[in-house]
Amino acid sequence: MYAFVVFLGLALGLTVVMQVIDELLPVKAPKALTRTISVAIACGFAWALDYSVFTSFNQDFRETWMHPVMTGLALVGGGEFVRSLVLAISHRSGDAPVEVAPSLRAA
């Protein structure tokens, strides 16, 4: 149970860090580049903290370098999942969807 709470805490912390960086940058980057940078930052955090979510759940990889990389991927995925879940729960019925781009309609 504690391993899952630590994982969620790190994932949400990483999501907040990425939102702060996104707000501070003067140029808006594409979402694919933003996600790639967040995975790189998450891998760096996992390596610096010597943390592996998979070791916490008694899972092992063939090579040791896979632990921070896969932990970084899992942290970004977990953070995005929780963020989208909170947005979906807080969405009021009758409102337009939150993350849908406006469509161009011919008049």
PDB file of N, CA and C in Angstrom:
ATOM      1  N   MET A   1       0.822  -1.195   0.000  1.00  0.00           N
ATOM      2  CA  MET A   1       0.000   0.000   0.000  1.00  0.00           C
ATOM      3  C   MET A   1       0.863   1.254   0.000  1.00  0.00           C
ATOM      4  N   TYR A   2       1.924   1.274   0.809  1.00  0.00           N
ATOM      5  CA  TYR A   2       2.786   2.445   0.872  1.00  0.00           C
ATOM      6  C   TYR A   2       3.518   2.662  -0.449  1.00  0.00           C
ATOM      7  N   ALA A   3       3.876   1.589  -1.129  1.00  0.00           N
ATOM      8  CA  ALA A   3       4.559   1.716  -2.420  1.00  0.00           C
ATOM      9  C   ALA A   3       3.656   2.403  -3.436  1.00  0.00           C
ATOM     10  N   PHE A   4       2.364   2.108  -3.416  1.00  0.00           N
ATOM     11  CA  PHE A   4       1.423   2.732  -4.335  1.00  0.00           C
ATOM     12  C   PHE A   4       1.234   4.209  -3.996  1.00  0.00           C
ATOM     13  N   VAL A   5       1.194   4.546  -2.716  1.00  0.00           N
ATOM     14  CA  VAL A   5       1.037   5.936  -2.297  1.00  0.00           C
ATOM     15  C   VAL A   5       2.272   6.749  -2.694  1.00  0.00           C
ATOM     16  N   VAL A   6       3.455   6.164  -2.530  1.00  0.00           N
ATOM     17  CA  VAL A   6       4.689   6.838  -2.946  1.00  0.00           C
ATOM     18  C   VAL A   6       4.669   7.058  -4.457  1.00  0.00           C
ATOM     19  N   PHE A   7       4.247   6.038  -5.198  1.00  0.00           N
ATOM     20  CA  PHE A   7       4.158   6.161  -6.654  1.00  0.00           C
ATOM     21  C   PHE A   7       3.212   7.276  -7.060  1.00  0.00           C
ATOM     22  N   LEU A   8       2.014   7.326  -6.463  1.00  0.00           N
ATOM     23  CA  LEU A   8       1.057   8.377  -6.804  1.00  0.00           C
ATOM     24  C   LEU A   8       1.563   9.756  -6.403  1.00  0.00           C
ATOM     25  N   GLY A   9       2.216   9.842  -5.275  1.00  0.00           N
ATOM     26  CA  GLY A   9       2.773  11.127  -4.849  1.00  0.00           C
ATOM     27  C   GLY A   9       3.832  11.634  -5.811  1.00  0.00           C
ATOM     28  N   LEU A  10       4.732  10.758  -6.226  1.00  0.00           N
ATOM     29  CA  LEU A  10       5.753  11.158  -7.190  1.00  0.00           C
ATOM     30  C   LEU A  10       5.138  11.498  -8.546  1.00  0.00           C
ATOM     31  N   ALA A  11       4.144  10.736  -8.971  1.00  0.00           N
ATOM     32  CA  ALA A  11       3.500  10.993 -10.262  1.00  0.00           C
ATOM     33  C   ALA A  11       2.791  12.342 -10.253  1.00  0.00           C
ATOM     34  N   LEU A  12       2.061  12.640  -9.186  1.00  0.00           N
ATOM     35  CA  LEU A  12       1.372  13.930  -9.112  1.00  0.00           C
ATOM     36  C   LEU A  12       2.352  15.087  -8.952  1.00  0.00           C
ATOM     37  N   GLY A  13       3.425  14.855  -8.207  1.00  0.00           N
ATOM     38  CA  GLY A  13       4.467  15.883  -8.085  1.00  0.00           C
ATOM     39  C   GLY A  13       5.113  16.189  -9.426  1.00  0.00           C
ATOM     40  N   LEU A  14       5.372  15.156 -10.202  1.00  0.00           N
ATOM     41  CA  LEU A  14       5.943  15.346 -11.530  1.00  0.00           C
ATOM     42  C   LEU A  14       4.970  16.090 -12.441  1.00  0.00           C
ATOM     43  N   THR A  15       3.686  15.794 -12.330  1.00  0.00           N
ATOM     44  CA  THR A  15       2.677  16.488 -13.126  1.00  0.00           C
ATOM     45  C   THR A  15       2.646  17.973 -12.788  1.00  0.00           C
ATOM     46  N   VAL A  16       2.747  18.297 -11.516  1.00  0.00           N
ATOM     47  CA  VAL A  16       2.756  19.703 -11.098  1.00  0.00           C
ATOM     48  C   VAL A  16       4.009  20.397 -11.612  1.00  0.00           C
ATOM     49  N   VAL A  17       5.166  19.733 -11.523  1.00  0.00           N
ATOM     50  CA  VAL A  17       6.418  20.315 -12.028  1.00  0.00           C
ATOM     51  C   VAL A  17       6.301  20.603 -13.523  1.00  0.00           C
ATOM     52  N   MET A  18       5.725  19.672 -14.276  1.00  0.00           N
ATOM     53  CA  MET A  18       5.586  19.876 -15.716  1.00  0.00           C
ATOM     54  C   MET A  18       4.599  21.002 -16.022  1.00  0.00           C
ATOM     55  N   GLN A  19       3.549  21.160 -15.232  1.00  0.00           N
ATOM     56  CA  GLN A  19       2.614  22.266 -15.442  1.00  0.00           C
ATOM     57  C   GLN A  19       3.269  23.608 -15.147  1.00  0.00           C
ATOM     58  N   VAL A  20       4.109  23.653 -14.123  1.00  0.00           N
ATOM     59  CA  VAL A  20       4.828  24.889 -13.794  1.00  0.00           C
ATOM     60  C   VAL A  20       5.802  25.239 -14.914  1.00  0.00           C
ATOM     61  N   ILE A  21       6.541  24.240 -15.397  1.00  0.00           N
ATOM     62  CA  ILE A  21       7.482  24.487 -16.499  1.00  0.00           C
ATOM     63  C   ILE A  21       6.724  24.944 -17.739  1.00  0.00           C
ATOM     64  N   ASP A  22       5.580  24.344 -18.009  1.00  0.00           N
ATOM     65  CA  ASP A  22       4.778  24.728 -19.171  1.00  0.00           C
ATOM     66  C   ASP A  22       4.296  26.176 -19.063  1.00  0.00           C
ATOM     67  N   GLU A  23       3.959  26.620 -17.860  1.00  0.00           N
ATOM     68  CA  GLU A  23       3.511  27.997 -17.670  1.00  0.00           C
ATOM     69  C   GLU A  23       4.666  28.993 -17.757  1.00  0.00           C
ATOM     70  N   LEU A  24       5.861  28.587 -17.351  1.00  0.00           N
ATOM     71  CA  LEU A  24       6.992  29.508 -17.338  1.00  0.00           C
ATOM     72  C   LEU A  24       7.653  29.670 -18.706  1.00  0.00           C
ATOM     73  N   LEU A  25       7.534  28.668 -19.574  1.00  0.00           N
ATOM     74  CA  LEU A  25       8.159  28.766 -20.885  1.00  0.00           C
ATOM     75  C   LEU A  25       7.429  29.785 -21.743  1.00  0.00           C
ATOM     76  N   PRO A  26       8.182  30.676 -22.402  1.00  0.00           N
ATOM     77  CA  PRO A  26       7.515  31.680 -23.236  1.00  0.00           C
ATOM     78  C   PRO A  26       6.956  31.105 -24.540  1.00  0.00           C
ATOM     79  N   VAL A  27       7.487  29.976 -24.990  1.00  0.00           N
ATOM     80  CA  VAL A  27       7.045  29.346 -26.233  1.00  0.00           C
ATOM     81  C   VAL A  27       6.295  28.064 -25.879  1.00  0.00           C
ATOM     82  N   LYS A  28       5.124  27.889 -26.443  1.00  0.00           N
ATOM     83  CA  LYS A  28       4.342  26.681 -26.185  1.00  0.00           C
ATOM     84  C   LYS A  28       4.846  25.556 -27.087  1.00  0.00           C
ATOM     85  N   ALA A  29       5.240  24.461 -26.477  1.00  0.00           N
ATOM     86  CA  ALA A  29       5.747  23.305 -27.211  1.00  0.00           C
ATOM     87  C   ALA A  29       4.590  22.365 -27.559  1.00  0.00           C
ATOM     88  N   PRO A  30       4.749  21.573 -28.623  1.00  0.00           N
ATOM     89  CA  PRO A  30       3.718  20.580 -28.940  1.00  0.00           C
ATOM     90  C   PRO A  30       3.589  19.550 -27.819  1.00  0.00           C
ATOM     91  N   LYS A  31       2.405  18.945 -27.712  1.00  0.00           N
ATOM     92  CA  LYS A  31       2.166  17.983 -26.629  1.00  0.00           C
ATOM     93  C   LYS A  31       3.109  16.799 -26.687  1.00  0.00           C
ATOM     94  N   ALA A  32       3.439  16.323 -27.889  1.00  0.00           N
ATOM     95  CA  ALA A  32       4.340  15.174 -28.006  1.00  0.00           C
ATOM     96  C   ALA A  32       5.722  15.514 -27.456  1.00  0.00           C
ATOM     97  N   LEU A  33       6.211  16.698 -27.727  1.00  0.00           N
ATOM     98  CA  LEU A  33       7.510  17.111 -27.206  1.00  0.00           C
ATOM     99  C   LEU A  33       7.444  17.309 -25.695  1.00  0.00           C
ATOM    100  N   THR A  34       6.347  17.853 -25.212  1.00  0.00           N
ATOM    101  CA  THR A  34       6.175  18.047 -23.772  1.00  0.00           C
ATOM    102  C   THR A  34       6.171  16.712 -23.037  1.00  0.00           C
ATOM    103  N   ARG A  35       5.485  15.728 -23.589  1.00  0.00           N
ATOM    104  CA  ARG A  35       5.447  14.395 -22.956  1.00  0.00           C
ATOM    105  C   ARG A  35       6.823  13.740 -22.990  1.00  0.00           C
ATOM    106  N   THR A  36       7.555  13.917 -24.079  1.00  0.00           N
ATOM    107  CA  THR A  36       8.897  13.342 -24.174  1.00  0.00           C
ATOM    108  C   THR A  36       9.827  13.968 -23.140  1.00  0.00           C
ATOM    109  N   ILE A  37       9.736  15.285 -22.986  1.00  0.00           N
ATOM    110  CA  ILE A  37      10.554  15.964 -21.978  1.00  0.00           C
ATOM    111  C   ILE A  37      10.162  15.522 -20.575  1.00  0.00           C
ATOM    112  N   SER A  38       8.864  15.336 -20.340  1.00  0.00           N
ATOM    113  CA  SER A  38       8.432  14.904 -19.007  1.00  0.00           C
ATOM    114  C   SER A  38       8.908  13.481 -18.703  1.00  0.00           C
ATOM    115  N   VAL A  39       8.957  12.614 -19.706  1.00  0.00           N
ATOM    116  CA  VAL A  39       9.496  11.264 -19.488  1.00  0.00           C
ATOM    117  C   VAL A  39      10.986  11.348 -19.164  1.00  0.00           C
ATOM    118  N   ALA A  40      11.715  12.214 -19.866  1.00  0.00           N
ATOM    119  CA  ALA A  40      13.147  12.371 -19.587  1.00  0.00           C
ATOM    120  C   ALA A  40      13.375  12.910 -18.175  1.00  0.00           C
ATOM    121  N   ILE A  41      12.562  13.883 -17.764  1.00  0.00           N
ATOM    122  CA  ILE A  41      12.686  14.425 -16.405  1.00  0.00           C
ATOM    123  C   ILE A  41      12.318  13.359 -15.369  1.00  0.00           C
ATOM    124  N   ALA A  42      11.270  12.584 -15.641  1.00  0.00           N
ATOM    125  CA  ALA A  42      10.855  11.530 -14.708  1.00  0.00           C
ATOM    126  C   ALA A  42      11.933  10.450 -14.586  1.00  0.00           C
ATOM    127  N   CYS A  43      12.568  10.102 -15.701  1.00  0.00           N
ATOM    128  CA  CYS A  43      13.664   9.123 -15.646  1.00  0.00           C
ATOM    129  C   CYS A  43      14.829   9.677 -14.833  1.00  0.00           C
ATOM    130  N   GLY A  44      15.097  10.961 -14.989  1.00  0.00           N
ATOM    131  CA  GLY A  44      16.153  11.599 -14.199  1.00  0.00           C
ATOM    132  C   GLY A  44      15.822  11.617 -12.717  1.00  0.00           C
ATOM    133  N   PHE A  45      14.566  11.916 -12.380  1.00  0.00           N
ATOM    134  CA  PHE A  45      14.147  11.872 -10.977  1.00  0.00           C
ATOM    135  C   PHE A  45      14.286  10.467 -10.399  1.00  0.00           C
ATOM    136  N   ALA A  46      13.835   9.480 -11.147  1.00  0.00           N
ATOM    137  CA  ALA A  46      13.917   8.095 -10.662  1.00  0.00           C
ATOM    138  C   ALA A  46      15.366   7.667 -10.485  1.00  0.00           C
ATOM    139  N   TRP A  47      16.222   8.075 -11.403  1.00  0.00           N
ATOM    140  CA  TRP A  47      17.644   7.725 -11.290  1.00  0.00           C
ATOM    141  C   TRP A  47      18.289   8.454 -10.112  1.00  0.00           C
ATOM    142  N   ALA A  48      17.982   9.759  -9.942  1.00  0.00           N
ATOM    143  CA  ALA A  48      18.567  10.542  -8.850  1.00  0.00           C
ATOM    144  C   ALA A  48      18.101  10.048  -7.480  1.00  0.00           C
ATOM    145  N   LEU A  49      16.837   9.633  -7.393  1.00  0.00           N
ATOM    146  CA  LEU A  49      16.301   9.128  -6.128  1.00  0.00           C
ATOM    147  C   LEU A  49      16.610   7.650  -5.908  1.00  0.00           C
ATOM    148  N   ASP A  50      17.139   6.991  -6.947  1.00  0.00           N
ATOM    149  CA  ASP A  50      17.388   5.553  -6.926  1.00  0.00           C
ATOM    150  C   ASP A  50      16.090   4.819  -6.565  1.00  0.00           C
ATOM    151  N   TYR A  51      15.027   5.221  -7.260  1.00  0.00           N
ATOM    152  CA  TYR A  51      13.694   4.685  -7.000  1.00  0.00           C
ATOM    153  C   TYR A  51      13.216   3.880  -8.189  1.00  0.00           C
ATOM    154  N   SER A  52      12.686   2.712  -7.904  1.00  0.00           N
ATOM    155  CA  SER A  52      12.059   1.894  -8.929  1.00  0.00           C
ATOM    156  C   SER A  52      10.725   1.402  -8.390  1.00  0.00           C
ATOM    157  N   VAL A  53       9.651   1.786  -9.067  1.00  0.00           N
ATOM    158  CA  VAL A  53       8.328   1.355  -8.643  1.00  0.00           C
ATOM    159  C   VAL A  53       8.195  -0.160  -8.796  1.00  0.00           C
ATOM    160  N   PHE A  54       8.927  -0.738  -9.727  1.00  0.00           N
ATOM    161  CA  PHE A  54       8.822  -2.167  -9.973  1.00  0.00           C
ATOM    162  C   PHE A  54       9.533  -2.973  -8.892  1.00  0.00           C
ATOM    163  N   THR A  55      10.632  -2.461  -8.371  1.00  0.00           N
ATOM    164  CA  THR A  55      11.301  -3.120  -7.250  1.00  0.00           C
ATOM    165  C   THR A  55      10.416  -3.050  -6.002  1.00  0.00           C
ATOM    166  N   SER A  56       9.669  -1.954  -5.863  1.00  0.00           N
ATOM    167  CA  SER A  56       8.761  -1.815  -4.720  1.00  0.00           C
ATOM    168  C   SER A  56       7.684  -2.897  -4.720  1.00  0.00           C
ATOM    169  N   PHE A  57       7.300  -3.341  -5.920  1.00  0.00           N
ATOM    170  CA  PHE A  57       6.295  -4.395  -6.039  1.00  0.00           C
ATOM    171  C   PHE A  57       6.923  -5.756  -6.354  1.00  0.00           C
ATOM    172  N   ASN A  58       8.218  -5.917  -6.016  1.00  0.00           N
ATOM    173  CA  ASN A  58       8.959  -7.167  -6.164  1.00  0.00           C
ATOM    174  C   ASN A  58       8.997  -7.684  -7.598  1.00  0.00           C
ATOM    175  N   GLN A  59       9.121  -6.756  -8.567  1.00  0.00           N
ATOM    176  CA  GLN A  59       9.298  -7.127  -9.973  1.00  0.00           C
ATOM    177  C   GLN A  59      10.715  -6.748 -10.376  1.00  0.00           C
ATOM    178  N   ASP A  60      11.294  -7.491 -11.296  1.00  0.00           N
ATOM    179  CA  ASP A  60      12.668  -7.227 -11.690  1.00  0.00           C
ATOM    180  C   ASP A  60      12.792  -7.220 -13.205  1.00  0.00           C
ATOM    181  N   PHE A  61      13.759  -6.465 -13.713  1.00  0.00           N
ATOM    182  CA  PHE A  61      14.075  -6.419 -15.131  1.00  0.00           C
ATOM    183  C   PHE A  61      15.408  -7.117 -15.369  1.00  0.00           C
ATOM    184  N   ARG A  62      15.706  -7.404 -16.635  1.00  0.00           N
ATOM    185  CA  ARG A  62      16.974  -8.055 -16.971  1.00  0.00           C
ATOM    186  C   ARG A  62      18.165  -7.166 -16.680  1.00  0.00           C
ATOM    187  N   GLU A  63      18.045  -5.876 -16.984  1.00  0.00           N
ATOM    188  CA  GLU A  63      19.145  -4.928 -16.803  1.00  0.00           C
ATOM    189  C   GLU A  63      18.750  -3.851 -15.804  1.00  0.00           C
ATOM    190  N   THR A  64      19.729  -3.322 -15.107  1.00  0.00           N
ATOM    191  CA  THR A  64      19.439  -2.312 -14.086  1.00  0.00           C
ATOM    192  C   THR A  64      19.059  -0.963 -14.689  1.00  0.00           C
ATOM    193  N   TRP A  65      19.515  -0.656 -15.910  1.00  0.00           N
ATOM    194  CA  TRP A  65      19.182   0.625 -16.513  1.00  0.00           C
ATOM    195  C   TRP A  65      17.697   0.711 -16.862  1.00  0.00           C
ATOM    196  N   MET A  66      17.027  -0.423 -16.947  1.00  0.00           N
ATOM    197  CA  MET A  66      15.608  -0.417 -17.297  1.00  0.00           C
ATOM    198  C   MET A  66      14.731   0.110 -16.161  1.00  0.00           C
ATOM    199  N   HIS A  67      15.190   0.007 -14.930  1.00  0.00           N
ATOM    200  CA  HIS A  67      14.377   0.436 -13.790  1.00  0.00           C
ATOM    201  C   HIS A  67      14.042   1.927 -13.839  1.00  0.00           C
ATOM    202  N   PRO A  68      15.029   2.849 -13.953  1.00  0.00           N
ATOM    203  CA  PRO A  68      14.639   4.260 -13.990  1.00  0.00           C
ATOM    204  C   PRO A  68      13.863   4.643 -15.250  1.00  0.00           C
ATOM    205  N   VAL A  69      14.160   3.999 -16.374  1.00  0.00           N
ATOM    206  CA  VAL A  69      13.455   4.325 -17.613  1.00  0.00           C
ATOM    207  C   VAL A  69      11.989   3.912 -17.527  1.00  0.00           C
ATOM    208  N   MET A  70      11.742   2.697 -17.118  1.00  0.00           N
ATOM    209  CA  MET A  70      10.357   2.229 -17.021  1.00  0.00           C
ATOM    210  C   MET A  70       9.607   2.914 -15.878  1.00  0.00           C
ATOM    211  N   THR A  71      10.315   3.253 -14.801  1.00  0.00           N
ATOM    212  CA  THR A  71       9.685   4.007 -13.720  1.00  0.00           C
ATOM    213  C   THR A  71       9.285   5.393 -14.200  1.00  0.00           C
ATOM    214  N   GLY A  72      10.145   6.027 -15.005  1.00  0.00           N
ATOM    215  CA  GLY A  72       9.805   7.330 -15.575  1.00  0.00           C
ATOM    216  C   GLY A  72       8.568   7.258 -16.453  1.00  0.00           C
ATOM    217  N   LEU A  73       8.494   6.240 -17.296  1.00  0.00           N
ATOM    218  CA  LEU A  73       7.310   6.059 -18.132  1.00  0.00           C
ATOM    219  C   LEU A  73       6.059   5.843 -17.285  1.00  0.00           C
ATOM    220  N   ALA A  74       6.188   5.023 -16.251  1.00  0.00           N
ATOM    221  CA  ALA A  74       5.042   4.739 -15.385  1.00  0.00           C
ATOM    222  C   ALA A  74       4.613   5.987 -14.607  1.00  0.00           C
ATOM    223  N   LEU A  75       5.579   6.801 -14.177  1.00  0.00           N
ATOM    224  CA  LEU A  75       5.234   8.019 -13.437  1.00  0.00           C
ATOM    225  C   LEU A  75       4.470   9.003 -14.319  1.00  0.00           C
ATOM    226  N   VAL A  76       4.917   9.177 -15.539  1.00  0.00           N
ATOM    227  CA  VAL A  76       4.219  10.091 -16.451  1.00  0.00           C
ATOM    228  C   VAL A  76       2.827   9.554 -16.772  1.00  0.00           C
ATOM    229  N   GLY A  77       2.734   8.267 -17.046  1.00  0.00           N
ATOM    230  CA  GLY A  77       1.429   7.674 -17.328  1.00  0.00           C
ATOM    231  C   GLY A  77       0.487   7.756 -16.149  1.00  0.00           C
ATOM    232  N   GLY A  78       0.992   7.478 -14.962  1.00  0.00           N
ATOM    233  CA  GLY A  78       0.154   7.562 -13.756  1.00  0.00           C
ATOM    234  C   GLY A  78      -0.293   8.978 -13.468  1.00  0.00           C
ATOM    235  N   GLY A  79       0.601   9.939 -13.627  1.00  0.00           N
ATOM    236  CA  GLY A  79       0.237  11.336 -13.397  1.00  0.00           C
ATOM    237  C   GLY A  79      -0.803  11.832 -14.385  1.00  0.00           C
ATOM    238  N   GLU A  80      -0.636  11.471 -15.656  1.00  0.00           N
ATOM    239  CA  GLU A  80      -1.613  11.881 -16.668  1.00  0.00           C
ATOM    240  C   GLU A  80      -2.966  11.208 -16.437  1.00  0.00           C
ATOM    241  N   PHE A  81      -2.941   9.948 -16.004  1.00  0.00           N
ATOM    242  CA  PHE A  81      -4.195   9.253 -15.718  1.00  0.00           C
ATOM    243  C   PHE A  81      -4.948   9.913 -14.575  1.00  0.00           C
ATOM    244  N   VAL A  82      -4.252  10.211 -13.495  1.00  0.00           N
ATOM    245  CA  VAL A  82      -4.908  10.831 -12.340  1.00  0.00           C
ATOM    246  C   VAL A  82      -5.409  12.226 -12.708  1.00  0.00           C
ATOM    247  N   ARG A  83      -4.616  12.987 -13.475  1.00  0.00           N
ATOM    248  CA  ARG A  83      -5.034  14.322 -13.892  1.00  0.00           C
ATOM    249  C   ARG A  83      -6.302  14.268 -14.748  1.00  0.00           C
ATOM    250  N   SER A  84      -6.338  13.354 -15.712  1.00  0.00           N
ATOM    251  CA  SER A  84      -7.522  13.248 -16.567  1.00  0.00           C
ATOM    252  C   SER A  84      -8.720  12.700 -15.790  1.00  0.00           C
ATOM    253  N   LEU A  85      -8.479  11.837 -14.807  1.00  0.00           N
ATOM    254  CA  LEU A  85      -9.569  11.325 -13.980  1.00  0.00           C
ATOM    255  C   LEU A  85     -10.188  12.438 -13.142  1.00  0.00           C
ATOM    256  N   VAL A  86      -9.362  13.293 -12.565  1.00  0.00           N
ATOM    257  CA  VAL A  86      -9.871  14.410 -11.772  1.00  0.00           C
ATOM    258  C   VAL A  86     -10.633  15.391 -12.666  1.00  0.00           C
ATOM    259  N   LEU A  87     -10.115  15.642 -13.880  1.00  0.00           N
ATOM    260  CA  LEU A  87     -10.831  16.522 -14.805  1.00  0.00           C
ATOM    261  C   LEU A  87     -12.182  15.932 -15.199  1.00  0.00           C
ATOM    262  N   ALA A  88     -12.229  14.625 -15.399  1.00  0.00           N
ATOM    263  CA  ALA A  88     -13.488  13.987 -15.788  1.00  0.00           C
ATOM    264  C   ALA A  88     -14.499  14.009 -14.644  1.00  0.00           C
ATOM    265  N   ILE A  89     -14.023  13.813 -13.420  1.00  0.00           N
ATOM    266  CA  ILE A  89     -14.930  13.830 -12.273  1.00  0.00           C
ATOM    267  C   ILE A  89     -15.448  15.242 -12.021  1.00  0.00           C
ATOM    268  N   SER A  90     -14.586  16.240 -12.199  1.00  0.00           N
ATOM    269  CA  SER A  90     -14.990  17.612 -11.910  1.00  0.00           C
ATOM    270  C   SER A  90     -15.789  18.240 -13.054  1.00  0.00           C
ATOM    271  N   HIS A  91     -15.916  17.561 -14.162  1.00  0.00           N
ATOM    272  CA  HIS A  91     -16.655  18.078 -15.320  1.00  0.00           C
ATOM    273  C   HIS A  91     -18.151  18.081 -15.026  1.00  0.00           C
ATOM    274  N   ARG A  92     -18.799  19.204 -15.280  1.00  0.00           N
ATOM    275  CA  ARG A  92     -20.244  19.310 -15.063  1.00  0.00           C
ATOM    276  C   ARG A  92     -20.981  18.832 -16.301  1.00  0.00           C
ATOM    277  N   SER A  93     -22.069  18.156 -16.093  1.00  0.00           N
ATOM    278  CA  SER A  93     -22.856  17.705 -17.243  1.00  0.00           C
ATOM    279  C   SER A  93     -23.467  18.913 -17.938  1.00  0.00           C
ATOM    280  N   GLY A  94     -23.505  18.855 -19.243  1.00  0.00           N
ATOM    281  CA  GLY A  94     -24.016  19.958 -20.030  1.00  0.00           C
ATOM    282  C   GLY A  94     -22.940  20.889 -20.529  1.00  0.00           C
ATOM    283  N   ASP A  95     -21.762  20.866 -19.910  1.00  0.00           N
ATOM    284  CA  ASP A  95     -20.652  21.686 -20.378  1.00  0.00           C
ATOM    285  C   ASP A  95     -19.964  21.009 -21.554  1.00  0.00           C
ATOM    286  N   ALA A  96     -19.230  21.802 -22.307  1.00  0.00           N
ATOM    287  CA  ALA A  96     -18.460  21.240 -23.409  1.00  0.00           C
ATOM    288  C   ALA A  96     -17.312  20.405 -22.850  1.00  0.00           C
ATOM    289  N   PRO A  97     -16.858  19.376 -23.558  1.00  0.00           N
ATOM    290  CA  PRO A  97     -15.715  18.590 -23.090  1.00  0.00           C
ATOM    291  C   PRO A  97     -14.498  19.480 -22.871  1.00  0.00           C
ATOM    292  N   VAL A  98     -13.677  19.129 -21.898  1.00  0.00           N
ATOM    293  CA  VAL A  98     -12.592  19.984 -21.460  1.00  0.00           C
ATOM    294  C   VAL A  98     -11.460  20.068 -22.477  1.00  0.00           C
ATOM    295  N   GLU A  99     -10.996  18.949 -22.966  1.00  0.00           N
ATOM    296  CA  GLU A  99      -9.784  18.952 -23.794  1.00  0.00           C
ATOM    297  C   GLU A  99     -10.079  18.726 -25.271  1.00  0.00           C
ATOM    298  N   VAL A 100     -11.221  19.115 -25.742  1.00  0.00           N
ATOM    299  CA  VAL A 100     -11.565  18.971 -27.148  1.00  0.00           C
ATOM    300  C   VAL A 100     -11.319  20.278 -27.852  1.00  0.00           C
ATOM    301  N   ALA A 101     -10.582  20.233 -28.953  1.00  0.00           N
ATOM    302  CA  ALA A 101     -10.312  21.441 -29.721  1.00  0.00           C
ATOM    303  C   ALA A 101     -11.585  21.884 -30.425  1.00  0.00           C
ATOM    304  N   PRO A 102     -11.814  23.165 -30.531  1.00  0.00           N
ATOM    305  CA  PRO A 102     -13.019  23.639 -31.214  1.00  0.00           C
ATOM    306  C   PRO A 102     -12.984  23.257 -32.688  1.00  0.00           C
ATOM    307  N   SER A 103     -14.102  22.833 -33.201  1.00  0.00           N
ATOM    308  CA  SER A 103     -14.160  22.419 -34.601  1.00  0.00           C
ATOM    309  C   SER A 103     -14.555  23.609 -35.462  1.00  0.00           C
ATOM    310  N   LEU A 104     -14.067  23.598 -36.680  1.00  0.00           N
ATOM    311  CA  LEU A 104     -14.402  24.656 -37.631  1.00  0.00           C
ATOM    312  C   LEU A 104     -15.607  24.201 -38.432  1.00  0.00           C
ATOM    313  N   ARG A 105     -16.674  24.922 -38.317  1.00  0.00           N
ATOM    314  CA  ARG A 105     -17.904  24.564 -38.995  1.00  0.00           C
ATOM    315  C   ARG A 105     -18.162  25.535 -40.145  1.00  0.00           C
ATOM    316  N   ALA A 106     -18.623  24.986 -41.242  1.00  0.00           N
ATOM    317  CA  ALA A 106     -18.999  25.844 -42.366  1.00  0.00           C
ATOM    318  C   ALA A 106     -20.367  26.438 -42.090  1.00  0.00           C
ATOM    319  N   ALA A 107     -20.482  27.734 -42.226  1.00  0.00           N
ATOM    320  CA  ALA A 107     -21.749  28.400 -41.900  1.00  0.00           C
ATOM    321  C   ALA A 107     -22.688  28.415 -43.042  1.00  0.00           C
TER     322      ALA A 107
END
